[in-house]
Amino acid sequence: MNGSTSQILTTIGDGARLGDVITTGGNPHTVTNVRRVAGGRKVLEFADGNVYVLGPALLIQVMRTSRTRVRLVAGRDGLARVALS
C-alpha cells in the first residue's frame, strides 16, 4: 500500500525542488527540472513547458507531496502490524 500527504510550505527560491507545485498567475505548475544559474538563482521548468527564474531569497509558497510507503509486518504475537517508511 502506498499513500501520500500534501502540505503547503513557504520557502525561499533556493528551496524549490522537483515535484513541487507552484501557483503563478492563478495556475498551478509542477516543477519537472531545477537548475542553478549565476547569482544563486534557480531556473524552474514546469511540466507545461513554462520556465520561471527565482532569486535565491525570494519567498514562495509551494505544495509539496511526500509519499509514504505502508506495509504490513508480522509481530511476534502473530498479529499484523503497519510499518511506515
N, C-alpha and C. Protein backbone atom coordinates (compact mmCIF):
# COMPACT_ATOMS: atom_id res chain seq x y z
N MET A 1 0.83 -1.17 0.00
CA MET A 1 0.00 0.00 0.00
C MET A 1 0.88 1.24 0.00
N ASN A 2 0.48 2.23 -0.71
CA ASN A 2 1.20 3.49 -0.71
C ASN A 2 0.21 4.61 -0.47
N GLY A 3 0.68 5.67 0.15
CA GLY A 3 -0.15 6.84 0.39
C GLY A 3 0.70 8.07 0.19
N SER A 4 0.07 9.21 0.21
CA SER A 4 0.83 10.44 0.10
C SER A 4 0.13 11.52 0.89
N THR A 5 0.92 12.46 1.34
CA THR A 5 0.39 13.61 2.03
C THR A 5 0.91 14.86 1.35
N SER A 6 0.10 15.88 1.30
CA SER A 6 0.50 17.15 0.69
C SER A 6 0.44 18.24 1.74
N GLN A 7 1.36 19.17 1.63
CA GLN A 7 1.36 20.31 2.53
C GLN A 7 1.80 21.55 1.79
N ILE A 8 1.28 22.68 2.22
CA ILE A 8 1.66 23.97 1.65
C ILE A 8 2.79 24.53 2.51
N LEU A 9 3.91 24.86 1.88
CA LEU A 9 5.06 25.39 2.59
C LEU A 9 5.46 26.73 2.02
N THR A 10 6.01 27.58 2.85
CA THR A 10 6.64 28.80 2.38
C THR A 10 8.13 28.56 2.46
N THR A 11 8.81 28.75 1.35
CA THR A 11 10.24 28.52 1.28
C THR A 11 10.89 29.65 0.49
N ILE A 12 12.19 29.69 0.48
CA ILE A 12 12.88 30.65 -0.36
C ILE A 12 13.13 29.99 -1.71
N GLY A 13 13.43 30.81 -2.71
CA GLY A 13 13.65 30.29 -4.05
C GLY A 13 14.67 29.18 -4.10
N ASP A 14 15.67 29.26 -3.23
CA ASP A 14 16.72 28.25 -3.20
C ASP A 14 16.21 26.89 -2.71
N GLY A 15 15.02 26.88 -2.06
CA GLY A 15 14.47 25.65 -1.52
C GLY A 15 13.53 24.91 -2.45
N ALA A 16 13.27 25.46 -3.64
CA ALA A 16 12.37 24.80 -4.59
C ALA A 16 13.00 23.50 -5.08
N ARG A 17 12.18 22.47 -5.26
CA ARG A 17 12.71 21.19 -5.73
C ARG A 17 11.75 20.47 -6.66
N LEU A 18 12.24 19.41 -7.27
CA LEU A 18 11.44 18.63 -8.22
C LEU A 18 10.15 18.16 -7.57
N GLY A 19 9.07 18.22 -8.32
CA GLY A 19 7.78 17.75 -7.84
C GLY A 19 6.96 18.79 -7.12
N ASP A 20 7.59 19.90 -6.70
CA ASP A 20 6.83 20.96 -6.05
C ASP A 20 5.80 21.52 -7.03
N VAL A 21 4.67 21.97 -6.51
CA VAL A 21 3.66 22.64 -7.32
C VAL A 21 3.64 24.09 -6.88
N ILE A 22 3.90 24.99 -7.83
CA ILE A 22 3.95 26.41 -7.57
C ILE A 22 2.85 27.07 -8.38
N THR A 23 2.07 27.92 -7.73
CA THR A 23 0.99 28.61 -8.42
C THR A 23 1.46 29.99 -8.83
N THR A 24 1.43 30.26 -10.13
CA THR A 24 1.77 31.58 -10.65
C THR A 24 0.63 32.02 -11.56
N GLY A 25 0.19 33.23 -11.40
CA GLY A 25 -0.91 33.74 -12.20
C GLY A 25 -2.19 32.97 -12.01
N GLY A 26 -2.35 32.34 -10.84
CA GLY A 26 -3.56 31.57 -10.56
C GLY A 26 -3.55 30.16 -11.13
N ASN A 27 -2.47 29.77 -11.80
CA ASN A 27 -2.37 28.44 -12.40
C ASN A 27 -1.30 27.61 -11.70
N PRO A 28 -1.64 26.39 -11.30
CA PRO A 28 -0.63 25.54 -10.66
C PRO A 28 0.32 24.95 -11.70
N HIS A 29 1.61 24.93 -11.37
CA HIS A 29 2.64 24.39 -12.26
C HIS A 29 3.50 23.41 -11.47
N THR A 30 3.71 22.21 -12.03
CA THR A 30 4.54 21.20 -11.38
C THR A 30 5.97 21.31 -11.88
N VAL A 31 6.92 21.40 -10.95
CA VAL A 31 8.33 21.54 -11.29
C VAL A 31 8.87 20.21 -11.79
N THR A 32 9.43 20.21 -13.02
CA THR A 32 10.00 18.99 -13.59
C THR A 32 11.51 19.05 -13.73
N ASN A 33 12.10 20.25 -13.64
CA ASN A 33 13.54 20.39 -13.73
C ASN A 33 13.96 21.63 -12.97
N VAL A 34 15.06 21.52 -12.24
CA VAL A 34 15.60 22.65 -11.49
C VAL A 34 17.08 22.75 -11.80
N ARG A 35 17.54 23.95 -12.15
CA ARG A 35 18.98 24.14 -12.34
C ARG A 35 19.39 25.48 -11.78
N ARG A 36 20.60 25.52 -11.29
CA ARG A 36 21.16 26.73 -10.68
C ARG A 36 21.88 27.53 -11.76
N VAL A 37 21.71 28.85 -11.74
CA VAL A 37 22.39 29.74 -12.68
C VAL A 37 23.11 30.83 -11.89
N ALA A 38 23.77 31.72 -12.59
CA ALA A 38 24.58 32.78 -11.96
C ALA A 38 23.78 33.56 -10.93
N GLY A 39 24.47 33.99 -9.89
CA GLY A 39 23.85 34.81 -8.86
C GLY A 39 23.03 34.03 -7.85
N GLY A 40 23.15 32.69 -7.84
CA GLY A 40 22.40 31.87 -6.90
C GLY A 40 20.96 31.66 -7.28
N ARG A 41 20.58 32.16 -8.46
CA ARG A 41 19.19 31.99 -8.90
C ARG A 41 18.95 30.55 -9.35
N LYS A 42 17.68 30.17 -9.40
CA LYS A 42 17.30 28.85 -9.90
C LYS A 42 16.33 29.02 -11.06
N VAL A 43 16.51 28.20 -12.06
CA VAL A 43 15.59 28.14 -13.19
C VAL A 43 14.71 26.91 -12.97
N LEU A 44 13.40 27.16 -12.87
CA LEU A 44 12.45 26.07 -12.69
C LEU A 44 11.74 25.82 -14.01
N GLU A 45 11.75 24.59 -14.46
CA GLU A 45 11.00 24.21 -15.66
C GLU A 45 9.78 23.43 -15.20
N PHE A 46 8.63 23.76 -15.79
CA PHE A 46 7.38 23.14 -15.39
C PHE A 46 6.92 22.12 -16.43
N ALA A 47 6.03 21.23 -16.01
CA ALA A 47 5.51 20.18 -16.88
C ALA A 47 4.82 20.73 -18.11
N ASP A 48 4.24 21.93 -18.02
CA ASP A 48 3.53 22.51 -19.16
C ASP A 48 4.44 23.31 -20.10
N GLY A 49 5.76 23.27 -19.85
CA GLY A 49 6.71 23.95 -20.73
C GLY A 49 7.10 25.34 -20.29
N ASN A 50 6.41 25.91 -19.31
CA ASN A 50 6.77 27.23 -18.80
C ASN A 50 8.08 27.17 -18.02
N VAL A 51 8.77 28.30 -17.96
CA VAL A 51 10.02 28.42 -17.22
C VAL A 51 9.91 29.63 -16.31
N TYR A 52 10.47 29.52 -15.10
CA TYR A 52 10.41 30.59 -14.12
C TYR A 52 11.78 30.71 -13.47
N VAL A 53 12.29 31.92 -13.33
CA VAL A 53 13.59 32.15 -12.69
C VAL A 53 13.34 32.74 -11.31
N LEU A 54 13.90 32.11 -10.28
CA LEU A 54 13.72 32.56 -8.90
C LEU A 54 15.02 33.08 -8.33
N GLY A 55 14.94 34.20 -7.64
CA GLY A 55 16.08 34.68 -6.88
C GLY A 55 16.27 33.80 -5.66
N PRO A 56 17.49 33.71 -5.13
CA PRO A 56 17.76 32.79 -4.03
C PRO A 56 17.03 33.12 -2.73
N ALA A 57 16.64 34.38 -2.52
CA ALA A 57 15.99 34.77 -1.27
C ALA A 57 14.52 35.11 -1.44
N LEU A 58 13.96 34.90 -2.63
CA LEU A 58 12.55 35.20 -2.89
C LEU A 58 11.66 34.21 -2.15
N LEU A 59 10.70 34.70 -1.35
CA LEU A 59 9.77 33.82 -0.65
C LEU A 59 8.69 33.34 -1.61
N ILE A 60 8.45 32.04 -1.63
CA ILE A 60 7.40 31.45 -2.47
C ILE A 60 6.64 30.41 -1.66
N GLN A 61 5.41 30.15 -2.08
CA GLN A 61 4.64 29.07 -1.48
C GLN A 61 4.62 27.91 -2.46
N VAL A 62 4.85 26.73 -1.94
CA VAL A 62 4.83 25.52 -2.77
C VAL A 62 3.94 24.49 -2.10
N MET A 63 3.36 23.63 -2.92
CA MET A 63 2.67 22.46 -2.40
C MET A 63 3.61 21.30 -2.62
N ARG A 64 3.97 20.64 -1.55
CA ARG A 64 4.93 19.54 -1.62
C ARG A 64 4.23 18.27 -1.18
N THR A 65 4.38 17.23 -1.98
CA THR A 65 3.78 15.94 -1.68
C THR A 65 4.86 14.98 -1.24
N SER A 66 4.64 14.33 -0.12
CA SER A 66 5.58 13.30 0.32
C SER A 66 4.87 11.96 0.26
N ARG A 67 5.56 11.02 -0.25
CA ARG A 67 4.98 9.68 -0.40
C ARG A 67 5.32 8.85 0.84
N THR A 68 4.33 8.11 1.29
CA THR A 68 4.51 7.24 2.44
C THR A 68 4.26 5.81 1.99
N ARG A 69 5.22 4.94 2.26
CA ARG A 69 5.03 3.54 1.94
C ARG A 69 4.50 2.84 3.18
N VAL A 70 3.42 2.12 3.00
CA VAL A 70 2.80 1.40 4.10
C VAL A 70 2.93 -0.09 3.81
N ARG A 71 3.41 -0.84 4.78
CA ARG A 71 3.50 -2.28 4.58
C ARG A 71 3.09 -2.99 5.86
N LEU A 72 2.59 -4.18 5.70
CA LEU A 72 2.19 -4.97 6.85
C LEU A 72 3.34 -5.89 7.23
N VAL A 73 3.62 -5.97 8.51
CA VAL A 73 4.65 -6.87 9.01
C VAL A 73 4.05 -7.70 10.13
N ALA A 74 4.57 -8.90 10.30
CA ALA A 74 4.06 -9.78 11.35
C ALA A 74 4.75 -9.47 12.67
N GLY A 75 3.96 -9.33 13.72
CA GLY A 75 4.51 -9.13 15.05
C GLY A 75 4.85 -10.47 15.68
N ARG A 76 5.56 -10.43 16.79
CA ARG A 76 5.94 -11.67 17.48
C ARG A 76 4.72 -12.48 17.93
N ASP A 77 3.64 -11.77 18.17
CA ASP A 77 2.43 -12.45 18.62
C ASP A 77 1.58 -12.96 17.46
N GLY A 78 2.09 -12.82 16.22
CA GLY A 78 1.37 -13.30 15.05
C GLY A 78 0.39 -12.31 14.48
N LEU A 79 0.19 -11.19 15.13
CA LEU A 79 -0.72 -10.17 14.63
C LEU A 79 0.01 -9.26 13.64
N ALA A 80 -0.75 -8.77 12.66
CA ALA A 80 -0.17 -7.89 11.65
C ALA A 80 0.04 -6.50 12.23
N ARG A 81 1.13 -5.89 11.86
CA ARG A 81 1.45 -4.52 12.26
C ARG A 81 1.64 -3.69 11.01
N VAL A 82 1.42 -2.39 11.11
CA VAL A 82 1.63 -1.48 9.99
C VAL A 82 2.96 -0.79 10.20
N ALA A 83 3.80 -0.81 9.17
CA ALA A 83 5.09 -0.12 9.23
C ALA A 83 5.10 0.98 8.18
N LEU A 84 5.47 2.19 8.58
CA LEU A 84 5.56 3.32 7.66
C LEU A 84 7.02 3.56 7.33
N SER A 85 7.29 3.84 6.06
CA SER A 85 8.66 4.15 5.67
C SER A 85 8.67 5.21 4.60
